[in-house]
Amino acid sequence: MRFVVFNQKGGVGKSTITCNLAAISAAQGLRTLVIDLDPQGNSTHYLLGDGHDDAERSAAGFFDQTLRFTARPRETDDFAVDTPWNGLRLMPSHPQLDELHAKLESRYKIYKLRDALAELADAYDRIYIDTPPALNFYTRSALIAAQGCLIPFDCDDFSRRALYNLLENVQEIQADHNPELKVSGIVVNQFQPRASLPQKLVQELLDEGLPVLQPYLSSSVKVKESHQQAKPMIHLDARHKLTQELQALHARLIPA
């Protein structure tokens, strides 16, 4: 199963959700790959710390190869690296993604990621794709390549207003490029159950029949510690409330 984690708004927890769900998948014995298409590289730093700066073994290396004719092209999995956790691999981000963007778009390489991931169908049980906070070439490539779309929602009014446009963009990709793509659900992040505004906003989404997933992910300073130590929650504190919520959310996703 291939999931894209997508929201055009920044700071909503895309990388946190991507890496923690992937770490849970791997901990449960599923062969798991994370692909970091955001040039900021938050997922890369989360899973590897500051130890990766290899443009060749990265998403940038993969896309750069699509721009050049090569008699013996490298296999897609050669652009991924191991993480410290068994069963979890990463195709890292790299700053060169920014430099490649215009060339990739002008030469219409939009289906290359989809084709590459189809070749990996027997190698991985779960693939999670982290995306930039914009509907650009990389995000469209991910939406075309994925089967399920997870949409982080961080309980503010700006996020709610942007959500409808986001859903329209996903529907357009479905209609024009990827009929297999489904909205797997809206992931409520940074939820504060005692605050009235988050409760009101989430209830409005439910009343409108939108696919809001439960449980909601609690706001916690522990996740900042998780980022700092480059250690997903399942490995930092398996008994923490947020870890339990992430595991329950993972269980709601379509089984492999």
Protein backbone atom coordinates (compact mmCIF):
# COMPACT_ATOMS: atom_id res chain seq x y z
CA MET A 1 0.00 0.00 0.00
CA ARG A 2 1.31 3.42 -0.99
CA PHE A 3 0.29 6.45 1.08
CA VAL A 4 0.96 10.11 0.37
CA VAL A 5 0.79 12.55 3.29
CA PHE A 6 -0.31 15.85 1.81
CA ASN A 7 -1.40 19.31 2.85
CA GLN A 8 -0.64 22.57 1.06
CA LYS A 9 -0.33 24.30 4.43
CA GLY A 10 3.00 24.04 6.20
CA GLY A 11 3.50 23.16 9.83
CA VAL A 12 0.61 20.71 10.09
CA GLY A 13 2.69 17.65 10.99
CA LYS A 14 3.19 15.91 7.64
CA SER A 15 6.68 14.67 8.44
CA THR A 16 5.78 13.67 12.00
CA ILE A 17 2.81 11.62 10.79
CA THR A 18 4.76 10.12 7.88
CA CYS A 19 7.72 8.96 9.95
CA ASN A 20 5.77 7.70 12.93
CA LEU A 21 3.33 5.66 10.87
CA ALA A 22 6.24 4.25 8.88
CA ALA A 23 8.15 3.36 12.05
CA ILE A 24 5.08 1.55 13.40
CA SER A 25 4.69 -0.35 10.12
CA ALA A 26 8.31 -1.49 10.28
CA ALA A 27 8.04 -2.37 13.98
CA GLN A 28 5.11 -4.62 13.08
CA GLY A 29 7.22 -6.51 10.57
CA LEU A 30 6.07 -4.75 7.40
CA ARG A 31 8.77 -3.92 4.85
CA THR A 32 8.53 -0.13 4.81
CA LEU A 33 9.92 2.71 2.70
CA VAL A 34 9.66 6.45 3.33
CA ILE A 35 10.18 8.82 0.39
CA ASP A 36 10.97 12.41 1.34
CA LEU A 37 10.07 14.76 -1.52
CA ASP A 38 10.19 17.95 0.53
CA PRO A 39 13.45 19.85 -0.10
CA GLN A 40 13.35 20.96 3.55
CA GLY A 41 14.07 17.32 4.41
CA ASN A 42 12.23 17.09 7.72
CA SER A 43 11.50 13.38 7.35
CA THR A 44 15.11 12.78 6.39
CA HIS A 45 16.39 14.55 9.51
CA TYR A 46 13.78 12.78 11.65
CA LEU A 47 14.89 9.31 10.56
CA LEU A 48 18.62 9.86 9.98
CA GLY A 49 19.55 12.86 12.10
CA ASP A 50 22.16 15.08 10.44
CA GLY A 51 24.14 12.22 8.96
CA HIS A 52 23.02 12.22 5.31
CA ASP A 53 24.30 14.47 2.53
CA ASP A 54 24.61 12.08 -0.42
CA ALA A 55 22.85 13.51 -3.47
CA GLU A 56 23.29 10.27 -5.41
CA ARG A 57 21.40 8.14 -2.88
CA SER A 58 18.38 10.40 -2.54
CA ALA A 59 15.14 11.45 -4.20
CA ALA A 60 17.19 14.06 -6.05
CA GLY A 61 19.43 11.33 -7.44
CA PHE A 62 16.37 9.37 -8.57
CA PHE A 63 14.79 12.31 -10.39
CA ASP A 64 18.10 13.44 -11.86
CA GLN A 65 18.44 10.01 -13.48
CA THR A 66 15.05 10.46 -15.17
CA LEU A 67 16.45 13.51 -16.96
CA ARG A 68 19.40 11.66 -18.48
CA PHE A 69 19.64 8.71 -20.82
CA THR A 70 21.60 5.97 -19.09
CA ALA A 71 22.45 2.64 -20.70
CA ARG A 72 22.40 0.96 -17.30
CA PRO A 73 20.06 2.95 -15.05
CA ARG A 74 20.23 2.34 -11.34
CA GLU A 75 17.41 0.42 -9.70
CA THR A 76 14.92 2.56 -7.78
CA ASP A 77 15.81 0.90 -4.48
CA ASP A 78 19.44 1.94 -4.95
CA PHE A 79 18.40 5.51 -4.18
CA ALA A 80 17.15 4.47 -0.72
CA VAL A 81 19.22 4.01 2.43
CA ASP A 82 18.78 2.04 5.63
CA THR A 83 17.59 3.75 8.79
CA PRO A 84 18.62 2.65 12.31
CA TRP A 85 15.45 0.54 12.54
CA ASN A 86 14.97 -2.88 11.02
CA GLY A 87 12.63 -3.01 8.06
CA LEU A 88 12.54 0.77 7.57
CA ARG A 89 14.31 2.36 4.61
CA LEU A 90 14.33 5.94 3.39
CA MET A 91 14.74 7.67 0.04
CA PRO A 92 16.14 10.89 1.51
CA SER A 93 15.46 14.43 0.49
CA HIS A 94 18.28 16.64 -0.80
CA PRO A 95 18.50 20.39 -1.55
CA GLN A 96 19.06 19.56 -5.25
CA LEU A 97 15.34 18.79 -5.47
CA ASP A 98 14.80 22.55 -5.73
CA GLU A 99 17.28 22.83 -8.61
CA LEU A 100 15.69 19.96 -10.52
CA HIS A 101 12.09 21.09 -10.17
CA ALA A 102 11.82 23.31 -13.25
CA LYS A 103 13.56 20.80 -15.52
CA LEU A 104 11.36 17.94 -14.36
CA GLU A 105 8.21 19.98 -14.86
CA SER A 106 9.19 21.25 -18.31
CA ARG A 107 10.07 17.76 -19.51
CA TYR A 108 6.90 16.28 -18.04
CA LYS A 109 8.44 13.57 -15.87
CA ILE A 110 5.29 13.48 -13.75
CA TYR A 111 4.73 9.71 -14.08
CA LYS A 112 8.29 8.58 -13.33
CA LEU A 113 7.69 8.11 -9.59
CA ARG A 114 4.52 6.11 -10.22
CA ASP A 115 6.36 3.80 -12.62
CA ALA A 116 9.29 3.39 -10.22
CA LEU A 117 7.08 2.51 -7.25
CA ALA A 118 5.15 0.00 -9.31
CA GLU A 119 8.47 -1.80 -9.76
CA LEU A 120 8.88 -1.90 -5.97
CA ALA A 121 5.49 -3.50 -5.34
CA ASP A 122 7.07 -6.82 -4.34
CA ALA A 123 9.83 -5.23 -2.27
CA TYR A 124 7.75 -3.22 0.23
CA ASP A 125 4.50 -3.72 2.10
CA ARG A 126 4.12 -0.03 2.93
CA ILE A 127 5.40 3.10 1.20
CA TYR A 128 4.84 6.53 2.76
CA ILE A 129 5.55 9.69 0.76
CA ASP A 130 6.17 13.01 2.49
CA THR A 131 5.42 16.03 0.32
CA PRO A 132 6.23 19.76 0.18
CA PRO A 133 3.61 22.24 1.46
CA ALA A 134 2.61 23.16 -2.10
CA LEU A 135 0.84 21.56 -5.04
CA ASN A 136 3.97 21.41 -7.19
CA PHE A 137 5.62 18.80 -9.42
CA TYR A 138 6.74 16.63 -6.49
CA THR A 139 3.36 16.66 -4.79
CA ARG A 140 1.54 15.83 -8.02
CA SER A 141 4.02 13.03 -8.70
CA ALA A 142 3.30 11.62 -5.25
CA LEU A 143 -0.48 11.86 -5.66
CA ILE A 144 -0.23 10.11 -9.03
CA ALA A 145 1.95 7.37 -7.51
CA ALA A 146 -0.07 6.75 -4.34
CA GLN A 147 -3.13 4.67 -3.53
CA GLY A 148 -4.16 6.44 -0.34
CA CYS A 149 -3.97 10.10 0.70
CA LEU A 150 -3.68 11.11 4.36
CA ILE A 151 -4.45 14.77 5.07
CA PRO A 152 -3.09 16.27 8.32
CA PHE A 153 -5.39 18.85 9.93
CA ASP A 154 -4.11 21.00 12.78
CA CYS A 155 -7.35 22.41 14.18
CA ASP A 156 -7.30 26.03 13.14
CA ASP A 157 -9.68 28.00 10.97
CA PHE A 158 -7.11 28.62 8.21
CA SER A 159 -6.60 24.86 7.88
CA ARG A 160 -10.34 24.30 7.67
CA ARG A 161 -10.77 26.86 4.90
CA ALA A 162 -7.86 25.40 2.94
CA LEU A 163 -9.17 21.87 3.32
CA TYR A 164 -11.90 22.21 0.69
CA ASN A 165 -9.50 23.46 -1.98
CA LEU A 166 -7.12 20.65 -1.05
CA LEU A 167 -9.83 18.02 -1.48
CA GLU A 168 -10.73 19.50 -4.87
CA ASN A 169 -7.09 19.20 -5.95
CA VAL A 170 -7.00 15.55 -4.90
CA GLN A 171 -10.23 14.88 -6.79
CA GLU A 172 -8.75 16.50 -9.90
CA ILE A 173 -5.70 14.20 -9.70
CA GLN A 174 -8.06 11.25 -9.28
CA ALA A 175 -10.06 12.21 -12.35
CA ASP A 176 -7.17 13.13 -14.64
CA HIS A 177 -4.30 10.86 -13.61
CA ASN A 178 -4.94 8.30 -10.86
CA PRO A 179 -8.37 6.69 -10.46
CA GLU A 180 -6.88 4.34 -7.81
CA LEU A 181 -6.19 7.25 -5.44
CA LYS A 182 -8.50 7.40 -2.43
CA VAL A 183 -8.67 9.86 0.43
CA SER A 184 -7.79 7.51 3.29
CA GLY A 185 -8.76 10.14 5.80
CA ILE A 186 -8.15 13.43 7.55
CA VAL A 187 -5.68 13.08 10.44
CA VAL A 188 -6.49 15.49 13.25
CA ASN A 189 -3.17 16.60 14.71
CA GLN A 190 -2.23 18.67 17.78
CA PHE A 191 -5.71 18.08 19.22
CA GLN A 192 -6.54 19.68 22.57
CA PRO A 193 -9.76 18.09 23.85
CA ARG A 194 -10.33 20.72 26.54
CA ALA A 195 -10.19 23.63 24.09
CA SER A 196 -13.48 24.62 22.49
CA LEU A 197 -12.19 25.67 19.04
CA PRO A 198 -10.60 22.31 18.10
CA GLN A 199 -13.75 20.48 19.19
CA LYS A 200 -15.92 22.86 17.17
CA LEU A 201 -13.80 22.63 14.01
CA VAL A 202 -13.56 18.83 14.08
CA GLN A 203 -17.29 18.50 14.73
CA GLU A 204 -17.99 20.69 11.70
CA LEU A 205 -15.87 18.38 9.53
CA LEU A 206 -17.78 15.37 10.86
CA ASP A 207 -21.14 17.08 10.30
CA GLU A 208 -20.15 17.68 6.67
CA GLY A 209 -19.47 13.97 6.21
CA LEU A 210 -15.72 14.34 5.67
CA PRO A 211 -13.57 11.25 6.37
CA VAL A 212 -12.06 12.25 9.71
CA LEU A 213 -9.97 9.46 11.21
CA GLN A 214 -9.93 8.52 14.85
CA PRO A 215 -8.22 8.67 17.20
CA TYR A 216 -7.18 12.29 17.08
CA LEU A 217 -3.49 12.90 17.75
CA SER A 218 -2.88 14.76 21.00
CA SER A 219 -0.71 17.83 21.36
CA SER A 220 2.43 16.82 23.25
CA VAL A 221 5.88 18.25 23.93
CA LYS A 222 7.16 14.68 23.75
CA VAL A 223 7.05 14.80 19.97
CA LYS A 224 9.56 17.68 20.02
CA GLU A 225 11.90 15.47 22.01
CA SER A 226 11.29 12.78 19.41
CA HIS A 227 12.35 15.18 16.65
CA GLN A 228 15.42 16.33 18.55
CA GLN A 229 16.62 12.78 19.15
CA ALA A 230 15.74 11.66 15.59
CA LYS A 231 13.77 8.80 17.09
CA PRO A 232 10.11 8.08 16.21
CA MET A 233 7.72 7.81 19.13
CA ILE A 234 7.44 4.01 18.98
CA HIS A 235 11.17 3.83 19.70
CA LEU A 236 11.35 6.79 22.09
CA ASP A 237 8.43 5.91 24.38
CA ALA A 238 6.18 3.03 23.33
CA ARG A 239 3.83 3.59 26.28
CA HIS A 240 3.24 7.30 25.73
CA LYS A 241 -0.34 8.40 25.01
CA LEU A 242 0.62 9.85 21.62
CA THR A 243 2.40 6.63 20.65
CA GLN A 244 -0.74 4.68 21.50
CA GLU A 245 -2.83 7.06 19.40
CA LEU A 246 -0.45 6.69 16.45
CA GLN A 247 -0.64 2.90 16.73
CA ALA A 248 -4.42 3.02 16.81
CA LEU A 249 -4.40 5.32 13.77
CA HIS A 250 -2.06 2.93 11.96
CA ALA A 251 -4.48 0.08 12.68
CA ARG A 252 -7.27 2.05 10.96
CA LEU A 253 -5.40 2.11 7.67
CA ILE A 254 -6.08 -0.54 5.04
CA PRO A 255 -4.23 -3.75 5.97
CA ALA A 256 -1.44 -4.99 3.72
